[in-house]
Each structure stands twice: as C-alpha cells, then as structure tokens.
N, C-alpha and C. Protein backbone atom coordinates (compact mmCIF):
# COMPACT_ATOMS: atom_id res chain seq x y z
N MET A 1 109.04 84.35 233.96
CA MET A 1 110.52 85.15 234.42
C MET A 1 110.05 86.64 235.13
N ALA A 2 110.86 85.78 236.42
CA ALA A 2 110.84 87.26 236.99
C ALA A 2 111.16 88.14 236.52
N VAL A 3 110.12 89.91 236.69
CA VAL A 3 110.69 91.27 236.26
C VAL A 3 111.52 91.58 238.01
N ALA A 4 113.06 91.86 238.29
CA ALA A 4 113.49 93.36 238.69
C ALA A 4 112.28 94.10 239.27
N ARG A 5 111.98 94.34 240.28
CA ARG A 5 111.58 96.43 240.10
C ARG A 5 112.42 96.57 240.70
N LYS A 6 112.33 97.75 239.69
CA LYS A 6 112.76 99.33 240.74
C LYS A 6 111.93 99.44 242.22
N SER A 7 113.66 99.56 242.56
CA SER A 7 113.65 100.80 244.06
C SER A 7 113.30 101.96 244.20
N SER A 8 113.13 102.14 245.13
CA SER A 8 112.55 103.42 245.01
C SER A 8 112.88 104.03 246.86
N LYS A 9 114.35 103.06 246.97
CA LYS A 9 113.86 104.36 248.71
C LYS A 9 114.87 105.09 248.28
N VAL A 10 114.44 105.97 249.26
CA VAL A 10 115.35 107.32 250.19
C VAL A 10 116.18 106.66 250.37
N VAL A 11 117.22 107.45 250.67
CA VAL A 11 118.70 108.00 250.74
C VAL A 11 118.93 108.26 251.54
N ALA A 12 119.64 107.41 252.68
CA ALA A 12 119.46 107.89 254.74
C ALA A 12 120.94 109.30 253.93
N MET A 13 120.14 110.80 254.18
CA MET A 13 121.10 111.75 254.04
C MET A 13 121.81 112.27 255.95
N SER A 14 122.92 112.96 255.87
CA SER A 14 123.08 113.27 256.76
C SER A 14 122.96 114.87 257.13
N ALA A 15 122.98 115.65 258.70
CA ALA A 15 122.12 117.08 258.84
C ALA A 15 123.17 117.45 257.52
N ALA A 16 124.08 117.71 257.03
CA ALA A 16 124.98 118.41 256.62
C ALA A 16 124.30 118.48 255.07
N ALA A 17 124.20 117.47 254.78
CA ALA A 17 123.44 116.97 253.15
C ALA A 17 122.13 117.79 253.29
N LEU A 18 121.47 117.68 254.61
CA LEU A 18 119.96 117.92 254.35
C LEU A 18 119.58 119.77 254.33
N ALA A 19 120.77 120.17 254.96
CA ALA A 19 121.02 122.04 255.18
C ALA A 19 121.36 122.22 254.03
N GLU A 20 121.99 121.66 252.86
CA GLU A 20 122.58 121.96 251.59
C GLU A 20 120.90 122.09 250.93
N LEU A 21 119.97 121.50 250.89
CA LEU A 21 119.26 121.43 249.81
C LEU A 21 117.85 122.72 250.41
N SER A 22 118.19 122.17 249.04
CA SER A 22 116.36 123.46 248.51
C SER A 22 115.40 123.34 249.77
N PRO A 23 114.66 124.53 250.08
CA PRO A 23 113.37 123.94 250.96
C PRO A 23 113.00 122.80 250.26
N ALA A 24 112.55 123.17 249.10
CA ALA A 24 110.79 121.97 248.47
C ALA A 24 112.00 120.98 248.71
N ALA A 25 113.05 120.77 248.07
CA ALA A 25 113.84 119.60 247.91
C ALA A 25 113.65 118.69 249.25
N ARG A 26 113.97 119.26 250.31
CA ARG A 26 113.92 119.32 251.66
C ARG A 26 111.94 118.78 252.45
N VAL A 27 111.01 119.38 252.27
CA VAL A 27 110.00 118.67 252.27
C VAL A 27 109.54 117.48 250.56
N ALA A 28 110.16 117.73 250.22
CA ALA A 28 109.95 116.98 249.15
C ALA A 28 110.89 115.17 249.88
N HIS A 29 111.94 115.38 250.12
CA HIS A 29 112.63 113.94 251.34
C HIS A 29 111.87 113.61 251.84
N ASP A 30 111.25 114.65 252.88
CA ASP A 30 110.55 113.97 254.00
C ASP A 30 109.68 113.16 253.75
N ILE A 31 108.71 113.81 252.62
CA ILE A 31 107.81 112.93 251.94
C ILE A 31 107.98 111.58 251.88
N LEU A 32 109.11 111.39 250.92
CA LEU A 32 109.30 110.56 250.86
C LEU A 32 110.13 109.43 251.86
N ALA A 33 110.39 109.71 252.40
CA ALA A 33 111.27 109.56 253.86
C ALA A 33 110.30 108.79 254.59
N THR A 34 108.74 108.78 254.30
CA THR A 34 107.70 108.52 254.95
C THR A 34 106.46 107.46 254.26
N ARG A 35 106.85 107.91 252.69
CA ARG A 35 105.42 107.62 251.83
C ARG A 35 106.42 107.44 250.72
N SER A 36 107.86 106.15 250.27
CA SER A 36 107.76 106.23 249.19
C SER A 36 107.10 106.11 248.02
N ASP A 37 106.32 105.85 247.86
CA ASP A 37 105.08 105.21 247.43
C ASP A 37 104.53 106.66 246.19
N LEU A 38 104.37 107.58 246.79
CA LEU A 38 104.45 108.76 246.08
C LEU A 38 105.26 109.30 245.82
N ALA A 39 106.49 109.33 245.20
CA ALA A 39 107.71 109.34 244.40
C ALA A 39 107.39 109.99 242.79
N PRO A 40 106.65 109.12 242.45
CA PRO A 40 105.28 109.84 241.33
C PRO A 40 105.05 111.63 241.27
N SER A 41 104.23 111.31 242.37
CA SER A 41 103.63 112.88 242.11
C SER A 41 104.73 113.97 242.72
N VAL A 42 105.57 113.04 243.26
CA VAL A 42 106.73 114.50 244.05
C VAL A 42 107.66 114.63 242.71
N ASP A 43 108.09 113.91 242.13
CA ASP A 43 109.16 113.73 240.95
C ASP A 43 108.06 114.38 240.01
N ARG A 44 106.44 114.82 239.62
CA ARG A 44 106.22 115.62 238.81
C ARG A 44 106.38 116.79 239.44
N ILE A 45 105.89 117.32 240.85
CA ILE A 45 106.06 118.22 241.42
C ILE A 45 107.85 119.16 240.81
N MET A 46 108.62 118.42 241.51
CA MET A 46 109.67 118.83 241.99
C MET A 46 110.22 118.97 240.61
N ASN A 47 109.57 118.23 239.24
CA ASN A 47 110.81 118.90 237.99
C ASN A 47 109.65 119.41 236.91
N ALA A 48 108.36 120.09 238.04
CA ALA A 48 107.44 120.48 236.92
C ALA A 48 108.39 122.55 236.60
N GLU A 49 107.77 123.28 235.55
CA GLU A 49 108.84 124.44 234.87
C GLU A 49 108.13 125.84 235.91
N LEU A 50 108.60 125.67 237.06
CA LEU A 50 107.74 126.41 237.98
C LEU A 50 109.36 127.38 239.03
N SER A 51 109.26 128.43 239.28
CA SER A 51 109.85 129.10 239.82
C SER A 51 110.17 128.67 241.39
N ASP A 52 110.87 128.69 241.56
CA ASP A 52 111.57 128.08 243.94
C ASP A 52 110.31 128.33 244.68
N ASN A 53 109.72 129.53 244.44
CA ASN A 53 108.58 130.12 245.47
C ASN A 53 107.50 129.17 244.55
N GLN A 54 107.14 128.68 243.72
CA GLN A 54 105.76 128.16 243.45
C GLN A 54 106.37 126.76 243.59
N ARG A 55 107.15 125.69 243.25
CA ARG A 55 107.80 124.86 243.27
C ARG A 55 107.51 124.60 244.75
N LEU A 56 107.74 125.71 245.84
CA LEU A 56 107.91 125.16 247.43
C LEU A 56 106.29 125.24 247.83
N THR A 57 105.41 126.20 247.05
CA THR A 57 104.17 126.24 247.20
C THR A 57 103.59 124.86 246.86
N ALA A 58 103.81 124.51 245.70
CA ALA A 58 103.14 123.07 245.67
C ALA A 58 103.56 122.22 246.21
N ILE A 59 105.01 121.89 246.89
CA ILE A 59 104.96 120.44 247.56
C ILE A 59 104.78 120.14 248.60
N THR A 60 104.83 121.51 249.27
CA THR A 60 103.79 121.83 250.29
C THR A 60 102.71 122.03 250.27
N LYS A 61 102.33 122.16 250.33
CA LYS A 61 100.10 121.87 250.21
C LYS A 61 100.19 120.14 249.48
N PHE A 62 100.95 120.02 248.57
CA PHE A 62 100.74 118.68 248.89
C PHE A 62 101.34 117.24 249.73
N SER A 63 102.11 117.99 250.37
CA SER A 63 102.45 117.47 251.56
C SER A 63 101.44 117.44 252.56
N GLU A 64 100.54 118.76 252.53
CA GLU A 64 99.53 118.44 253.94
C GLU A 64 98.81 118.03 253.35
N SER A 65 98.41 117.53 252.30
CA SER A 65 97.38 116.67 251.94
C SER A 65 96.72 115.32 251.43
N ILE A 66 98.36 114.99 252.27
CA ILE A 66 98.05 112.96 252.30
C ILE A 66 97.33 112.83 253.06
N THR A 67 97.24 113.38 254.27
CA THR A 67 96.02 112.81 254.58
C THR A 67 94.86 113.18 254.58
N ALA A 68 94.64 114.31 254.28
CA ALA A 68 92.81 114.34 253.74
C ALA A 68 92.39 114.14 252.49
N ILE A 69 91.43 113.65 252.43
CA ILE A 69 90.84 112.07 251.83
C ILE A 69 90.41 113.36 250.77
N ASP A 70 89.76 114.28 251.15
CA ASP A 70 89.04 115.55 250.02
C ASP A 70 89.90 116.27 249.35
N ASP A 71 91.25 116.50 249.88
CA ASP A 71 91.64 117.71 249.23
C ASP A 71 92.27 117.32 247.78
N PRO A 72 91.72 118.81 247.45
CA PRO A 72 91.85 118.33 246.02
C PRO A 72 93.81 118.85 245.70
N PHE A 73 94.54 119.02 246.55
CA PHE A 73 96.06 119.18 246.93
C PHE A 73 96.71 118.09 246.69
N ARG A 74 96.07 116.77 246.88
CA ARG A 74 95.96 115.45 246.55
C ARG A 74 96.83 114.87 245.39
N ASP A 75 96.54 116.42 244.18
CA ASP A 75 96.89 115.66 243.46
C ASP A 75 97.00 116.44 242.44
N PRO A 76 98.93 115.31 242.91
CA PRO A 76 100.14 116.98 242.14
C PRO A 76 99.72 117.75 241.17
N ARG A 77 99.06 117.30 239.43
CA ARG A 77 98.39 118.22 238.79
C ARG A 77 97.95 119.72 239.21
N TYR A 78 96.67 119.29 239.83
CA TYR A 78 96.07 120.19 240.83
C TYR A 78 97.17 121.03 241.71
N ALA A 79 98.45 121.13 242.89
CA ALA A 79 98.78 121.43 243.28
C ALA A 79 100.07 122.48 242.35
N ILE A 80 100.98 121.59 241.31
CA ILE A 80 100.99 122.54 240.00
C ILE A 80 100.20 124.02 239.59
N ALA A 81 99.05 123.53 239.30
CA ALA A 81 98.20 124.46 238.45
C ALA A 81 97.81 125.54 239.99
N HIS A 82 97.88 125.15 240.63
CA HIS A 82 97.04 126.25 241.74
C HIS A 82 98.44 126.95 242.50
N CYS A 83 99.47 126.80 242.67
CA CYS A 83 100.85 127.01 243.43
C CYS A 83 100.87 128.61 243.68
N GLY A 84 99.87 129.31 242.73
CA GLY A 84 100.43 131.11 242.52
C GLY A 84 100.85 131.11 241.59
N LEU A 85 100.62 132.68 241.61
CA LEU A 85 101.33 133.45 239.77
C LEU A 85 102.95 133.71 240.03
N ALA A 86 103.18 133.59 238.59
CA ALA A 86 104.50 133.60 238.26
C ALA A 86 104.70 134.60 238.97
N ASP A 87 106.09 134.41 239.53
CA ASP A 87 107.05 135.04 240.13
C ASP A 87 108.15 135.98 238.89
C-alpha cells in the first residue's frame, strides 16, 4: 500500500508579502526556498521560545552554517542555545 508523502514545498510569495515578514521569517523563507529538506530544523528554531532578536540570531547563524561542515550552528539545538542573552 502506497503512503502519500507530505510535501514541504515553499510557497512562492510576492515582494509585498515578503516585505511583511519579520526579519527572522525572511531568513527562514530564504533557507526553505533552496533547502526544503531543512524544514524540521527551521521549524525548531522558529517555534522555540525566543525573543525576536534571539530568533533572528539563531536562524541567521543556522543559515550561515549550512555550507560549513564543522560549524556547530548547523545543529538547530545549538543555534537556539547560543543565540544570546535574554532581551
């Protein structure tokens, strides 16, 4: 019996819709536009209990680490834990 796969396509957004996103959401969107396989990691960061500044720091450091094999920020748990002091 075949099982339907859940699609994790990123929906194309207009420039106006992108402009309305928070800075962290824009970074998350950019990651998912090219690497939809990273959706679980992006979701973990975006849904963590963080301030807006901490979320932006965590998702930015995660984004910058994607191409660096030895960067600890590739682990979303590390990015969340090391995103800065509480605001």
